[in-house]
Amino acid sequence: MDYSKNIAAKMLIVTMVIAGIYFLNQVLVPLILALLLSILLSPVVVFLNFRFKFPHVVAVFATLTFAILISAGIIFFISKQISSFFEDIPNIQRHLNMHYHNIQYWIYEKLNIGYSKQNNYIQKVTKEIQDGDGMMAKPLDHFSVILITVILIPVYTFFMLLYRNLFINFLTKMVHEKHHPILKEIILEINAVIHSYIVGLLLEMVIVATMISTGLLIIGVDYAILIGVVASILNLVPYLGILASALISLSVAIGDSSELGILISISIVFLIIHLIDANILIPRVVSSKVKINALAAILGIVCGGILIGIAGMFLALPVIAITKVVFDRVPGLEPWGYLLGDTIPKKIDWCALKSDEVTI
C-alpha cells in the first residue's frame, strides 16, 4: 500500500510539473534563458570583482552591457543582410512564379487537372489553414510575446547575477546541513556543464556559419552569408535545425535560379556539413560535458516543442543536462540519471544471484 501511494505521489508531481510548464511557458522561457546567460556570464563578473576590484553591482552592469552590445552588433549585421535580401524579393518572386507555373503545367499534362481547379484547391487549403489556426490574428500576439521576452531576459539576467549568492544561500537554508556537500557538488557541476555547453554551442555556431557560407559562396548562391548565419542559428535546435536551414537555402536558390545543378550542390554542401557537425563538432565541441544519450535528447526536443514551441526545443538539452546532474547526486534518483546518460553497457548487471536462479 505504501509503495503504491509513493508511485501515485510521484506521478502527481510529474503531472503538476508538466502542467506548470505548459501553462506558464511564457514566464518560464525568459527565466530559463536568463539563468543560462547568468551562468555563462558569471565568470566575467567574478573576474571583474577580484581582478579589478569592481563593486559587485558595477561588475554585473558592465558585464551585461558588454553582452548586450555584442548581441546588438550581431543583430545589426543580420538586419543589414536581411534588408539586402528584401530588395531582391521581386526578382525571387518572378522565379518562384515561373516554377509555380511549370509545376502547374506538369500537373495538367500528367494528371489532367485544370489550372482553375488547382488554384481553387490551393485557395481552399490556404483559407482553411488561416481560419483554423487564426494565423491572421496571431502575428501581432507573437510579436508582443517576443518583444516582452527580449526585454525581460536582460532584466532577469541582471538580477540573477546580482543576487547569485542570495539564491545559493536560499538553497543552503532549504537543504539540511548534512546534505550541503552534495548541494555544493550539484551547483558546481551545473555551472560547469552549462558553461561548457553554451561556449561549445557558440563555437559550433561560428564554425557551421563559416562552413555553410563558404560552401554556398563557392557554389555561387546569393545571400550565402545570410543563409550561413540563419542556418547556424537554426542549428541550435539539434537534429532538426540543419534540415530546416537546408530547406530555406533550397527555397532561396529556387527563387534565384532555375538550374538543377545549384539545388544538387546545395544539398551536397548541407549533407557534408551535417556529417561534420554530427560526427565531429557536436561530440567534441558541444557534448564534451553534456553526457545525454540521443534518445533522451530527441524525446526532450519533441516534448519541449509540444509544450513550449521552438524555445522549448532549444532549451530541452540544457534542462535535461541540469536534471541529469541533480538525478546523479540525489539518493534514490540515480537510476534516472543513468537512464539519461550516454553510457552503453556491454552487459546486464544483475544482482548477486546464482546462475541457475536467473531466468529471462
Protein backbone atom coordinates (compact mmCIF):
# COMPACT_ATOMS: atom_id res chain seq x y z
CA MET A 1 0.00 0.00 0.00
CA ASP A 2 2.80 2.42 0.92
CA TYR A 3 4.63 1.60 -2.30
CA SER A 4 1.56 2.31 -4.44
CA LYS A 5 0.98 5.59 -2.60
CA ASN A 6 4.59 6.58 -3.26
CA ILE A 7 4.20 5.90 -7.00
CA ALA A 8 0.92 7.84 -7.10
CA ALA A 9 2.56 10.80 -5.35
CA LYS A 10 5.46 10.81 -7.84
CA MET A 11 3.07 10.63 -10.80
CA LEU A 12 1.08 13.54 -9.35
CA ILE A 13 4.28 15.62 -9.02
CA VAL A 14 5.30 14.85 -12.62
CA THR A 15 1.82 15.76 -13.86
CA MET A 16 1.89 19.04 -11.96
CA VAL A 17 5.34 19.88 -13.37
CA ILE A 18 4.21 19.18 -16.96
CA ALA A 19 1.03 21.22 -16.47
CA GLY A 20 3.04 24.07 -14.95
CA ILE A 21 5.46 24.08 -17.90
CA TYR A 22 2.57 24.11 -20.39
CA PHE A 23 0.54 26.88 -18.76
CA LEU A 24 3.44 29.02 -17.51
CA ASN A 25 5.76 28.71 -20.50
CA GLN A 26 5.71 32.47 -21.18
CA VAL A 27 7.05 33.00 -17.66
CA LEU A 28 9.48 30.08 -17.62
CA VAL A 29 11.16 30.64 -21.02
CA PRO A 30 12.72 34.05 -20.23
CA LEU A 31 13.62 32.83 -16.73
CA ILE A 32 15.45 29.74 -18.01
CA LEU A 33 17.19 31.72 -20.76
CA ALA A 34 18.26 34.30 -18.19
CA LEU A 35 19.53 31.51 -15.93
CA LEU A 36 21.66 30.10 -18.76
CA LEU A 37 23.02 33.55 -19.59
CA SER A 38 23.79 34.28 -15.94
CA ILE A 39 25.75 31.02 -15.68
CA LEU A 40 27.66 31.94 -18.86
CA LEU A 41 28.44 35.49 -17.68
CA SER A 42 29.13 34.76 -14.00
CA PRO A 43 32.89 34.07 -14.56
CA VAL A 44 33.22 37.54 -16.12
CA VAL A 45 31.53 39.12 -13.08
CA VAL A 46 33.82 37.21 -10.72
CA PHE A 47 36.86 38.26 -12.78
CA LEU A 48 35.89 41.95 -12.58
CA ASN A 49 35.20 41.61 -8.85
CA PHE A 50 38.51 40.04 -7.87
CA ARG A 51 40.90 41.17 -10.62
CA PHE A 52 39.88 44.82 -10.97
CA LYS A 53 38.11 45.21 -7.59
CA PHE A 54 34.87 46.39 -9.23
CA PRO A 55 31.89 46.73 -6.87
CA HIS A 56 29.52 43.85 -7.46
CA VAL A 57 26.74 46.00 -8.94
CA VAL A 58 29.18 47.74 -11.30
CA ALA A 59 30.70 44.41 -12.38
CA VAL A 60 27.26 42.96 -13.14
CA PHE A 61 26.18 46.07 -15.04
CA ALA A 62 29.41 46.23 -17.07
CA THR A 63 29.24 42.52 -17.95
CA LEU A 64 25.61 42.70 -19.04
CA THR A 65 26.20 45.88 -21.04
CA PHE A 66 29.10 44.24 -22.88
CA ALA A 67 26.94 41.20 -23.68
CA ILE A 68 24.10 43.42 -24.95
CA LEU A 69 26.50 45.37 -27.19
CA ILE A 70 27.81 42.14 -28.74
CA SER A 71 24.24 40.90 -29.31
CA ALA A 72 23.25 44.26 -30.83
CA GLY A 73 26.22 44.07 -33.22
CA ILE A 74 25.20 40.60 -34.38
CA ILE A 75 21.57 41.69 -34.83
CA PHE A 76 22.70 44.77 -36.80
CA PHE A 77 24.81 42.60 -39.11
CA ILE A 78 21.92 40.19 -39.73
CA SER A 79 19.46 43.05 -40.29
CA LYS A 80 21.76 44.55 -42.96
CA GLN A 81 21.87 41.20 -44.74
CA ILE A 82 18.07 40.83 -44.47
CA SER A 83 17.47 44.34 -45.88
CA SER A 84 19.61 43.45 -48.88
CA PHE A 85 17.61 40.25 -49.29
CA PHE A 86 14.29 42.15 -49.20
CA GLU A 87 15.48 44.42 -52.01
CA ASP A 88 15.78 41.36 -54.24
CA ILE A 89 12.38 39.90 -53.36
CA PRO A 90 10.71 40.98 -56.67
CA ASN A 91 13.32 39.03 -58.65
CA ILE A 92 12.92 35.99 -56.38
CA GLN A 93 9.14 36.25 -56.71
CA ARG A 94 9.39 36.18 -60.51
CA HIS A 95 11.45 32.98 -60.39
CA LEU A 96 9.05 31.38 -57.92
CA ASN A 97 6.08 32.26 -60.15
CA MET A 98 7.91 30.68 -63.08
CA HIS A 99 8.49 27.47 -61.10
CA TYR A 100 4.88 27.55 -59.88
CA HIS A 101 3.52 27.74 -63.44
CA ASN A 102 5.89 24.98 -64.56
CA ILE A 103 4.59 22.73 -61.79
CA GLN A 104 1.01 23.59 -62.72
CA TYR A 105 1.72 22.72 -66.35
CA TRP A 106 3.30 19.40 -65.36
CA ILE A 107 0.24 18.51 -63.22
CA TYR A 108 -2.05 19.47 -66.11
CA GLU A 109 -0.09 17.34 -68.58
CA LYS A 110 0.43 14.28 -66.36
CA LEU A 111 -2.71 14.24 -64.20
CA ASN A 112 -5.13 16.16 -66.41
CA ILE A 113 -6.10 18.61 -63.63
CA GLY A 114 -7.01 22.06 -64.96
CA TYR A 115 -5.38 25.31 -63.83
CA SER A 116 -8.56 26.71 -62.30
CA LYS A 117 -9.13 23.55 -60.29
CA GLN A 118 -5.58 23.64 -58.96
CA ASN A 119 -5.92 27.32 -57.99
CA ASN A 120 -9.25 26.69 -56.27
CA TYR A 121 -7.77 23.82 -54.27
CA ILE A 122 -4.76 25.91 -53.16
CA GLN A 123 -7.05 28.80 -52.14
CA LYS A 124 -9.27 26.42 -50.20
CA VAL A 125 -6.36 24.88 -48.31
CA THR A 126 -4.89 28.31 -47.55
CA LYS A 127 -8.22 29.57 -46.24
CA GLU A 128 -8.68 26.51 -44.02
CA ILE A 129 -5.23 26.96 -42.52
CA GLN A 130 -5.82 30.64 -41.82
CA ASP A 131 -9.30 30.08 -40.37
CA GLY A 132 -8.36 27.01 -38.36
CA ASP A 133 -5.26 28.37 -36.70
CA GLY A 134 -6.22 32.02 -36.59
CA MET A 135 -2.97 32.88 -38.31
CA MET A 136 -4.17 36.32 -39.34
CA ALA A 137 -4.67 37.29 -35.70
CA LYS A 138 -1.53 35.61 -34.31
CA PRO A 139 1.43 37.57 -35.75
CA LEU A 140 0.78 40.62 -33.55
CA ASP A 141 0.39 38.40 -30.46
CA HIS A 142 3.61 36.54 -31.29
CA PHE A 143 5.46 39.81 -31.83
CA SER A 144 4.31 41.19 -28.48
CA VAL A 145 5.36 38.00 -26.68
CA ILE A 146 8.79 38.05 -28.37
CA LEU A 147 9.24 41.75 -27.54
CA ILE A 148 8.36 41.21 -23.88
CA THR A 149 10.69 38.20 -23.70
CA VAL A 150 13.58 40.15 -25.26
CA ILE A 151 13.08 42.92 -22.68
CA LEU A 152 12.73 40.56 -19.72
CA ILE A 153 15.77 38.37 -20.44
CA PRO A 154 18.43 41.05 -19.72
CA VAL A 155 16.44 42.27 -16.69
CA TYR A 156 16.21 38.76 -15.24
CA THR A 157 19.87 38.11 -16.07
CA PHE A 158 20.95 41.27 -14.26
CA PHE A 159 19.12 40.32 -11.07
CA MET A 160 20.22 36.69 -11.22
CA LEU A 161 23.83 37.82 -11.41
CA LEU A 162 23.27 40.45 -8.72
CA TYR A 163 21.51 38.10 -6.27
CA ARG A 164 23.52 34.96 -7.11
CA ASN A 165 24.77 34.48 -3.54
CA LEU A 166 21.28 35.12 -2.20
CA PHE A 167 19.84 32.28 -4.28
CA ILE A 168 22.62 29.90 -3.22
CA ASN A 169 22.12 30.78 0.45
CA PHE A 170 18.41 30.17 -0.01
CA LEU A 171 19.19 26.64 -1.21
CA THR A 172 21.52 26.04 1.74
CA LYS A 173 18.70 27.00 4.10
CA MET A 174 16.28 24.69 2.29
CA VAL A 175 18.66 21.70 2.45
CA HIS A 176 19.82 20.05 5.67
CA GLU A 177 23.43 20.73 6.65
CA LYS A 178 24.47 17.11 6.21
CA HIS A 179 23.50 17.38 2.50
CA HIS A 180 25.43 20.61 1.88
CA PRO A 181 28.41 18.78 0.27
CA ILE A 182 26.03 17.18 -2.24
CA LEU A 183 24.33 20.54 -2.86
CA LYS A 184 27.70 22.17 -3.50
CA GLU A 185 28.64 19.41 -5.94
CA ILE A 186 25.33 19.88 -7.79
CA ILE A 187 25.76 23.66 -8.09
CA LEU A 188 29.38 23.40 -9.26
CA GLU A 189 28.58 20.62 -11.72
CA ILE A 190 25.59 22.50 -13.18
CA ASN A 191 27.76 25.59 -13.65
CA ALA A 192 30.48 23.55 -15.36
CA VAL A 193 28.07 21.62 -17.60
CA ILE A 194 26.00 24.64 -18.71
CA HIS A 195 29.04 26.87 -19.20
CA SER A 196 30.78 24.22 -21.28
CA TYR A 197 27.59 23.55 -23.26
CA ILE A 198 26.89 27.20 -24.11
CA VAL A 199 30.50 28.00 -25.02
CA GLY A 200 30.65 24.88 -27.19
CA LEU A 201 27.33 25.80 -28.79
CA LEU A 202 28.55 29.30 -29.65
CA LEU A 203 31.77 27.89 -31.10
CA GLU A 204 29.77 25.37 -33.12
CA MET A 205 27.56 28.20 -34.46
CA VAL A 206 30.60 30.12 -35.69
CA ILE A 207 32.11 27.04 -37.35
CA VAL A 208 28.83 25.97 -39.00
CA ALA A 209 28.09 29.51 -40.23
CA THR A 210 31.60 29.77 -41.70
CA MET A 211 31.41 26.38 -43.44
CA ILE A 212 27.94 26.94 -44.90
CA SER A 213 28.71 30.49 -46.06
CA THR A 214 31.98 29.37 -47.65
CA GLY A 215 30.36 26.39 -49.35
CA LEU A 216 27.49 28.45 -50.76
CA LEU A 217 29.85 31.22 -51.90
CA ILE A 218 31.90 28.64 -53.82
CA ILE A 219 28.72 27.34 -55.47
CA GLY A 220 27.61 30.88 -56.31
CA VAL A 221 24.45 31.13 -54.20
CA ASP A 222 23.29 34.65 -53.41
CA TYR A 223 22.98 35.72 -49.76
CA ALA A 224 25.38 32.93 -48.75
CA ILE A 225 26.49 34.78 -45.60
CA LEU A 226 22.88 35.43 -44.51
CA ILE A 227 21.95 31.80 -45.12
CA GLY A 228 25.02 30.63 -43.18
CA VAL A 229 24.18 32.81 -40.18
CA VAL A 230 20.50 31.80 -40.22
CA ALA A 231 21.47 28.14 -40.60
CA SER A 232 23.82 28.34 -37.61
CA ILE A 233 21.04 29.89 -35.50
CA LEU A 234 18.53 27.23 -36.58
CA ASN A 235 21.17 24.61 -35.81
CA LEU A 236 20.72 25.48 -32.13
CA VAL A 237 17.82 23.03 -32.33
CA PRO A 238 19.67 19.69 -32.58
CA TYR A 239 18.85 17.25 -35.38
CA LEU A 240 16.01 19.39 -36.81
CA GLY A 241 17.71 22.76 -37.26
CA ILE A 242 20.08 21.70 -40.04
CA LEU A 243 17.15 20.26 -42.02
CA ALA A 244 15.15 23.49 -41.69
CA SER A 245 18.15 25.58 -42.76
CA ALA A 246 18.70 23.33 -45.79
CA LEU A 247 15.08 23.77 -46.86
CA ILE A 248 15.39 27.56 -46.51
CA SER A 249 18.55 27.54 -48.63
CA LEU A 250 16.88 25.44 -51.32
CA SER A 251 13.87 27.79 -51.31
CA VAL A 252 16.11 30.83 -51.80
CA ALA A 253 18.03 29.02 -54.56
CA ILE A 254 14.80 28.04 -56.33
CA GLY A 255 13.68 31.65 -56.22
CA ASP A 256 17.02 32.88 -57.54
CA SER A 257 17.84 30.31 -60.19
CA SER A 258 16.21 27.62 -62.28
CA GLU A 259 19.30 25.42 -62.59
CA LEU A 260 19.01 21.92 -61.15
CA GLY A 261 22.77 21.72 -60.55
CA ILE A 262 22.59 24.52 -57.96
CA LEU A 263 19.99 22.62 -55.94
CA ILE A 264 22.04 19.42 -56.05
CA SER A 265 25.19 21.32 -55.00
CA ILE A 266 23.36 22.95 -52.05
CA SER A 267 22.08 19.56 -50.93
CA ILE A 268 25.61 18.11 -51.07
CA VAL A 269 27.06 21.05 -49.11
CA PHE A 270 24.47 20.70 -46.33
CA LEU A 271 24.89 16.92 -46.23
CA ILE A 272 28.67 17.20 -45.84
CA ILE A 273 28.37 19.92 -43.18
CA HIS A 274 25.73 17.91 -41.32
CA LEU A 275 28.02 14.87 -41.25
CA ILE A 276 30.91 17.02 -39.95
CA ASP A 277 28.66 18.67 -37.38
CA ALA A 278 27.06 15.44 -36.15
CA ASN A 279 30.25 13.34 -36.02
CA ILE A 280 32.94 15.87 -35.08
CA LEU A 281 31.60 19.20 -33.78
CA ILE A 282 28.75 18.04 -31.54
CA PRO A 283 30.61 15.12 -29.88
CA ARG A 284 33.89 17.02 -29.36
CA VAL A 285 32.84 20.66 -29.04
CA VAL A 286 29.30 20.67 -27.63
CA SER A 287 28.75 17.34 -25.90
CA SER A 288 32.06 17.06 -24.06
CA LYS A 289 30.29 17.78 -20.76
CA VAL A 290 26.63 17.12 -21.59
CA LYS A 291 26.51 13.33 -21.42
CA ILE A 292 22.96 12.71 -22.68
CA ASN A 293 22.02 9.83 -24.97
CA ALA A 294 20.45 10.54 -28.35
CA LEU A 295 17.06 9.02 -27.48
CA ALA A 296 16.66 11.21 -24.39
CA ALA A 297 17.77 14.25 -26.40
CA ILE A 298 15.28 13.64 -29.22
CA LEU A 299 12.42 12.92 -26.80
CA GLY A 300 13.27 16.06 -24.87
CA ILE A 301 13.33 18.17 -28.03
CA VAL A 302 9.96 16.77 -29.19
CA CYS A 303 8.34 17.23 -25.77
CA GLY A 304 9.82 20.73 -25.44
CA GLY A 305 8.43 21.64 -28.84
CA ILE A 306 4.97 20.33 -27.94
CA LEU A 307 4.84 22.07 -24.55
CA ILE A 308 6.54 25.39 -25.34
CA GLY A 309 7.36 25.60 -29.04
CA ILE A 310 10.66 26.48 -30.70
CA ALA A 311 12.05 27.89 -27.44
CA GLY A 312 11.28 24.57 -25.76
CA MET A 313 13.21 22.70 -28.43
CA PHE A 314 16.25 24.88 -27.84
CA LEU A 315 16.02 24.68 -24.03
CA ALA A 316 15.44 20.92 -23.95
CA LEU A 317 19.10 19.83 -23.84
CA PRO A 318 20.33 22.24 -21.12
CA VAL A 319 17.28 21.48 -18.97
CA ILE A 320 17.83 17.71 -19.38
CA ALA A 321 21.53 18.23 -18.57
CA ILE A 322 20.65 20.08 -15.35
CA THR A 323 18.10 17.40 -14.47
CA LYS A 324 20.68 14.67 -15.03
CA VAL A 325 23.19 16.39 -12.71
CA VAL A 326 20.54 16.53 -9.97
CA PHE A 327 19.48 12.92 -10.52
CA ASP A 328 23.09 11.69 -10.40
CA ARG A 329 23.67 13.34 -7.00
CA VAL A 330 20.35 12.79 -5.17
CA PRO A 331 19.98 9.40 -3.45
CA GLY A 332 17.12 7.40 -4.93
CA LEU A 333 17.19 9.23 -8.27
CA GLU A 334 20.49 7.85 -9.57
CA PRO A 335 18.81 5.26 -11.88
CA TRP A 336 17.03 8.08 -13.73
CA GLY A 337 20.31 9.92 -14.20
CA TYR A 338 21.86 6.70 -15.50
CA LEU A 339 18.94 6.31 -17.93
CA LEU A 340 19.55 9.79 -19.36
CA GLY A 341 23.30 9.17 -19.75
CA ASP A 342 25.13 8.17 -22.91
CA THR A 343 26.86 5.10 -21.46
CA ILE A 344 26.18 1.91 -23.43
CA PRO A 345 26.78 -1.04 -21.07
CA LYS A 346 28.33 -4.16 -22.57
CA LYS A 347 26.41 -6.50 -20.28
CA ILE A 348 23.43 -6.57 -17.92
CA ASP A 349 24.31 -6.09 -14.26
CA TRP A 350 22.05 -8.42 -12.30
CA CYS A 351 22.15 -8.63 -8.55
CA ALA A 352 24.35 -11.32 -6.93
CA LEU A 353 22.37 -14.46 -7.72
CA LYS A 354 23.38 -17.95 -8.66
CA SER A 355 23.42 -18.55 -12.40
CA ASP A 356 20.68 -21.17 -12.13
CA GLU A 357 18.38 -18.67 -10.38
CA VAL A 358 18.44 -16.13 -13.23
CA THR A 359 15.81 -16.74 -15.88
CA ILE A 360 14.71 -14.47 -18.74
